[in-house]
């Protein structure tokens, strides 16, 4: 069932303006738990998550009418790592923090993302809330261990 449900999810979500960020399907006490993180280039809201959930529910019910399952569709939350190159493209112009495979951490404004190759940052250093240095840095996608969008609160 797991493979078939993943195919349904991919067909529904990737067939729209949305894309799958992550999926997790497991079975607990006979009930299938389907968790999907989806997004779009313009963002995804609760209404879109609800619509996708209804479409996927209908297709699963048609294929497995006697199966117990729960489905949860969410958007990637604050602090969730960027997992797909498409997420980098979506977040151009935003501040991100990157943890490199060599252990170094870099913070900067995401300038560009070249699919499957590299990202370009305007790297900066802050002291007492003020940016003191900047430089443009190219980072190979293969050197990125983890990255997150940084939320700033300008009060």
C-alpha atoms as a PDB file:
ATOM      1  CA  UNK A   1       0.000   0.000   0.000  1.00  0.00           C
ATOM      2  CA  UNK A   2       2.832   2.402   0.851  1.00  0.00           C
ATOM      3  CA  UNK A   3       4.143   2.524  -2.722  1.00  0.00           C
ATOM      4  CA  UNK A   4       0.653   3.050  -4.174  1.00  0.00           C
ATOM      5  CA  UNK A   5      -0.169   5.849  -1.722  1.00  0.00           C
ATOM      6  CA  UNK A   6       3.113   7.604  -2.528  1.00  0.00           C
ATOM      7  CA  UNK A   7       2.197   7.389  -6.218  1.00  0.00           C
ATOM      8  CA  UNK A   8      -1.239   8.918  -5.520  1.00  0.00           C
ATOM      9  CA  UNK A   9       0.345  11.737  -3.506  1.00  0.00           C
ATOM     10  CA  UNK A  10       2.914  12.433  -6.217  1.00  0.00           C
ATOM     11  CA  UNK A  11       0.276  12.445  -8.961  1.00  0.00           C
ATOM     12  CA  UNK A  12      -2.019  14.817  -7.070  1.00  0.00           C
ATOM     13  CA  UNK A  13       0.551  17.234  -5.665  1.00  0.00           C
ATOM     14  CA  UNK A  14       3.086  17.293  -8.478  1.00  0.00           C
ATOM     15  CA  UNK A  15       0.238  17.590 -10.980  1.00  0.00           C
ATOM     16  CA  UNK A  16      -0.660  20.988  -9.547  1.00  0.00           C
ATOM     17  CA  UNK A  17       1.355  24.118  -8.801  1.00  0.00           C
ATOM     18  CA  UNK A  18       2.549  22.383  -5.643  1.00  0.00           C
ATOM     19  CA  UNK A  19       5.521  20.172  -4.927  1.00  0.00           C
ATOM     20  CA  UNK A  20       6.290  17.583  -2.270  1.00  0.00           C
ATOM     21  CA  UNK A  21       8.936  18.559   0.258  1.00  0.00           C
ATOM     22  CA  UNK A  22       8.737  15.432   2.414  1.00  0.00           C
ATOM     23  CA  UNK A  23       6.539  12.389   3.014  1.00  0.00           C
ATOM     24  CA  UNK A  24       6.317   9.922   5.842  1.00  0.00           C
ATOM     25  CA  UNK A  25       4.040   6.896   5.720  1.00  0.00           C
ATOM     26  CA  UNK A  26       3.869   4.434   8.586  1.00  0.00           C
ATOM     27  CA  UNK A  27       1.413   2.038  10.154  1.00  0.00           C
ATOM     28  CA  UNK A  28       0.461   2.229  13.813  1.00  0.00           C
ATOM     29  CA  UNK A  29      -1.924  -0.358  15.284  1.00  0.00           C
ATOM     30  CA  UNK A  30      -3.403  -1.118  11.872  1.00  0.00           C
ATOM     31  CA  UNK A  31      -3.940   2.524  10.901  1.00  0.00           C
ATOM     32  CA  UNK A  32      -1.834   4.052   8.145  1.00  0.00           C
ATOM     33  CA  UNK A  33      -0.401   7.439   9.079  1.00  0.00           C
ATOM     34  CA  UNK A  34       0.300   9.584   6.022  1.00  0.00           C
ATOM     35  CA  UNK A  35       2.194  12.834   6.642  1.00  0.00           C
ATOM     36  CA  UNK A  36       3.002  15.093   3.731  1.00  0.00           C
ATOM     37  CA  UNK A  37       4.841  18.391   3.663  1.00  0.00           C
ATOM     38  CA  UNK A  38       3.989  20.326   0.495  1.00  0.00           C
ATOM     39  CA  UNK A  39       4.787  23.758  -0.826  1.00  0.00           C
ATOM     40  CA  UNK A  40       4.554  25.912  -3.942  1.00  0.00           C
ATOM     41  CA  UNK A  41       6.625  28.681  -5.435  1.00  0.00           C
ATOM     42  CA  UNK A  42       4.086  31.159  -4.024  1.00  0.00           C
ATOM     43  CA  UNK A  43       3.658  29.413  -0.668  1.00  0.00           C
ATOM     44  CA  UNK A  44       0.860  27.161   0.523  1.00  0.00           C
ATOM     45  CA  UNK A  45      -1.894  27.931   2.991  1.00  0.00           C
ATOM     46  CA  UNK A  46      -4.358  25.991   5.056  1.00  0.00           C
ATOM     47  CA  UNK A  47      -7.020  26.101   2.332  1.00  0.00           C
ATOM     48  CA  UNK A  48      -4.673  24.577  -0.238  1.00  0.00           C
ATOM     49  CA  UNK A  49      -3.570  21.906   2.246  1.00  0.00           C
ATOM     50  CA  UNK A  50      -7.235  21.092   2.905  1.00  0.00           C
ATOM     51  CA  UNK A  51      -8.043  20.855  -0.815  1.00  0.00           C
ATOM     52  CA  UNK A  52      -5.070  18.574  -1.469  1.00  0.00           C
ATOM     53  CA  UNK A  53      -6.073  16.431   1.503  1.00  0.00           C
ATOM     54  CA  UNK A  54      -9.632  15.997   0.171  1.00  0.00           C
ATOM     55  CA  UNK A  55      -8.400  15.007  -3.293  1.00  0.00           C
ATOM     56  CA  UNK A  56      -5.888  12.503  -1.900  1.00  0.00           C
ATOM     57  CA  UNK A  57      -8.479  11.106   0.551  1.00  0.00           C
ATOM     58  CA  UNK A  58     -10.910  10.481  -2.303  1.00  0.00           C
ATOM     59  CA  UNK A  59      -8.298   8.655  -4.386  1.00  0.00           C
ATOM     60  CA  UNK A  60      -7.124   6.507  -1.452  1.00  0.00           C
ATOM     61  CA  UNK A  61     -10.746   5.676  -0.557  1.00  0.00           C
ATOM     62  CA  UNK A  62     -11.360   4.549  -4.149  1.00  0.00           C
ATOM     63  CA  UNK A  63      -8.283   2.314  -4.163  1.00  0.00           C
ATOM     64  CA  UNK A  64      -8.483   1.049  -0.552  1.00  0.00           C
ATOM     65  CA  UNK A  65     -12.097   1.426   0.652  1.00  0.00           C
ATOM     66  CA  UNK A  66     -11.632  -0.769   3.752  1.00  0.00           C
ATOM     67  CA  UNK A  67      -8.312   0.682   4.911  1.00  0.00           C
ATOM     68  CA  UNK A  68      -7.978   2.761   8.071  1.00  0.00           C
ATOM     69  CA  UNK A  69      -5.739   5.772   7.594  1.00  0.00           C
ATOM     70  CA  UNK A  70      -5.120   9.334   8.687  1.00  0.00           C
ATOM     71  CA  UNK A  71      -3.682  11.967   6.413  1.00  0.00           C
ATOM     72  CA  UNK A  72      -1.965  15.199   7.381  1.00  0.00           C
ATOM     73  CA  UNK A  73      -0.803  17.756   4.840  1.00  0.00           C
ATOM     74  CA  UNK A  74       1.248  20.688   6.083  1.00  0.00           C
ATOM     75  CA  UNK A  75       3.517  23.374   4.770  1.00  0.00           C
ATOM     76  CA  UNK A  76       7.170  23.391   5.785  1.00  0.00           C
ATOM     77  CA  UNK A  77       7.323  25.244   9.076  1.00  0.00           C
ATOM     78  CA  UNK A  78       9.639  27.927  10.352  1.00  0.00           C
ATOM     79  CA  UNK A  79      12.968  26.382  11.204  1.00  0.00           C
ATOM     80  CA  UNK A  80      12.467  23.430   8.876  1.00  0.00           C
ATOM     81  CA  UNK A  81      15.523  22.788   6.723  1.00  0.00           C
ATOM     82  CA  UNK A  82      15.429  23.524   3.024  1.00  0.00           C
ATOM     83  CA  UNK A  83      15.412  20.120   1.348  1.00  0.00           C
ATOM     84  CA  UNK A  84      14.854  20.849  -2.324  1.00  0.00           C
ATOM     85  CA  UNK A  85      16.545  23.116  -4.825  1.00  0.00           C
ATOM     86  CA  UNK A  86      13.104  24.513  -5.641  1.00  0.00           C
ATOM     87  CA  UNK A  87      12.896  25.791  -2.065  1.00  0.00           C
ATOM     88  CA  UNK A  88      16.131  27.722  -2.567  1.00  0.00           C
ATOM     89  CA  UNK A  89      14.693  29.297  -5.720  1.00  0.00           C
ATOM     90  CA  UNK A  90      11.534  30.245  -3.827  1.00  0.00           C
ATOM     91  CA  UNK A  91      13.515  31.893  -1.026  1.00  0.00           C
ATOM     92  CA  UNK A  92      15.790  34.117  -3.112  1.00  0.00           C
ATOM     93  CA  UNK A  93      16.185  37.488  -1.395  1.00  0.00           C
ATOM     94  CA  UNK A  94      15.694  36.032   2.085  1.00  0.00           C
ATOM     95  CA  UNK A  95      18.265  35.501   4.801  1.00  0.00           C
ATOM     96  CA  UNK A  96      19.389  31.917   5.286  1.00  0.00           C
ATOM     97  CA  UNK A  97      21.785  30.092   7.556  1.00  0.00           C
ATOM     98  CA  UNK A  98      23.846  27.278   6.087  1.00  0.00           C
ATOM     99  CA  UNK A  99      25.734  24.546   7.875  1.00  0.00           C
ATOM    100  CA  UNK A 100      28.459  23.187   5.611  1.00  0.00           C
ATOM    101  CA  UNK A 101      29.747  19.626   5.583  1.00  0.00           C
ATOM    102  CA  UNK A 102      33.100  20.930   6.871  1.00  0.00           C
ATOM    103  CA  UNK A 103      31.400  22.271  10.025  1.00  0.00           C
ATOM    104  CA  UNK A 104      31.429  25.964   9.058  1.00  0.00           C
ATOM    105  CA  UNK A 105      28.269  28.061   9.412  1.00  0.00           C
ATOM    106  CA  UNK A 106      27.408  30.889   7.021  1.00  0.00           C
ATOM    107  CA  UNK A 107      24.621  33.460   7.232  1.00  0.00           C
ATOM    108  CA  UNK A 108      23.595  35.685   4.367  1.00  0.00           C
ATOM    109  CA  UNK A 109      21.012  36.790   1.868  1.00  0.00           C
ATOM    110  CA  UNK A 110      20.271  34.187  -0.785  1.00  0.00           C
ATOM    111  CA  UNK A 111      20.977  35.877  -4.113  1.00  0.00           C
ATOM    112  CA  UNK A 112      20.635  32.991  -6.573  1.00  0.00           C
ATOM    113  CA  UNK A 113      20.200  29.230  -6.756  1.00  0.00           C
ATOM    114  CA  UNK A 114      21.502  27.343  -9.758  1.00  0.00           C
ATOM    115  CA  UNK A 115      19.717  23.957  -9.774  1.00  0.00           C
ATOM    116  CA  UNK A 116      21.867  21.001  -8.746  1.00  0.00           C
ATOM    117  CA  UNK A 117      25.018  23.131  -8.810  1.00  0.00           C
ATOM    118  CA  UNK A 118      25.384  25.990  -6.371  1.00  0.00           C
ATOM    119  CA  UNK A 119      23.797  28.819  -4.469  1.00  0.00           C
ATOM    120  CA  UNK A 120      25.084  32.368  -4.265  1.00  0.00           C
ATOM    121  CA  UNK A 121      24.887  34.272  -0.991  1.00  0.00           C
ATOM    122  CA  UNK A 122      25.604  37.796   0.039  1.00  0.00           C
ATOM    123  CA  UNK A 123      27.379  36.627   3.162  1.00  0.00           C
ATOM    124  CA  UNK A 124      27.394  38.991   6.111  1.00  0.00           C
ATOM    125  CA  UNK A 125      28.517  39.288   9.680  1.00  0.00           C
ATOM    126  CA  UNK A 126      26.509  41.150  12.298  1.00  0.00           C
ATOM    127  CA  UNK A 127      27.651  42.824  15.467  1.00  0.00           C
ATOM    128  CA  UNK A 128      25.162  44.434  17.829  1.00  0.00           C
ATOM    129  CA  UNK A 129      22.418  43.976  15.240  1.00  0.00           C
ATOM    130  CA  UNK A 130      24.260  45.818  12.469  1.00  0.00           C
ATOM    131  CA  UNK A 131      25.790  44.284   9.370  1.00  0.00           C
ATOM    132  CA  UNK A 132      29.509  44.981   9.410  1.00  0.00           C
ATOM    133  CA  UNK A 133      30.893  42.966   6.497  1.00  0.00           C
ATOM    134  CA  UNK A 134      29.504  41.522   3.305  1.00  0.00           C
ATOM    135  CA  UNK A 135      30.898  39.463   0.478  1.00  0.00           C
ATOM    136  CA  UNK A 136      29.429  37.364  -2.278  1.00  0.00           C
ATOM    137  CA  UNK A 137      29.961  33.651  -1.715  1.00  0.00           C
ATOM    138  CA  UNK A 138      29.269  30.703  -4.003  1.00  0.00           C
ATOM    139  CA  UNK A 139      28.487  27.420  -2.273  1.00  0.00           C
ATOM    140  CA  UNK A 140      28.316  24.083  -4.031  1.00  0.00           C
ATOM    141  CA  UNK A 141      25.109  22.183  -3.281  1.00  0.00           C
ATOM    142  CA  UNK A 142      27.230  19.147  -2.375  1.00  0.00           C
ATOM    143  CA  UNK A 143      28.899  21.158   0.429  1.00  0.00           C
ATOM    144  CA  UNK A 144      25.598  21.973   2.167  1.00  0.00           C
ATOM    145  CA  UNK A 145      24.741  19.817   5.161  1.00  0.00           C
ATOM    146  CA  UNK A 146      21.675  21.806   6.259  1.00  0.00           C
ATOM    147  CA  UNK A 147      20.142  25.212   5.607  1.00  0.00           C
ATOM    148  CA  UNK A 148      17.252  27.181   7.062  1.00  0.00           C
ATOM    149  CA  UNK A 149      15.484  30.418   6.241  1.00  0.00           C
ATOM    150  CA  UNK A 150      16.154  32.968   8.965  1.00  0.00           C
ATOM    151  CA  UNK A 151      13.171  34.865  10.273  1.00  0.00           C
ATOM    152  CA  UNK A 152      13.812  38.481  11.179  1.00  0.00           C
ATOM    153  CA  UNK A 153      11.543  40.665  13.206  1.00  0.00           C
ATOM    154  CA  UNK A 154      11.933  44.300  12.254  1.00  0.00           C
ATOM    155  CA  UNK A 155      10.135  46.201  14.981  1.00  0.00           C
END
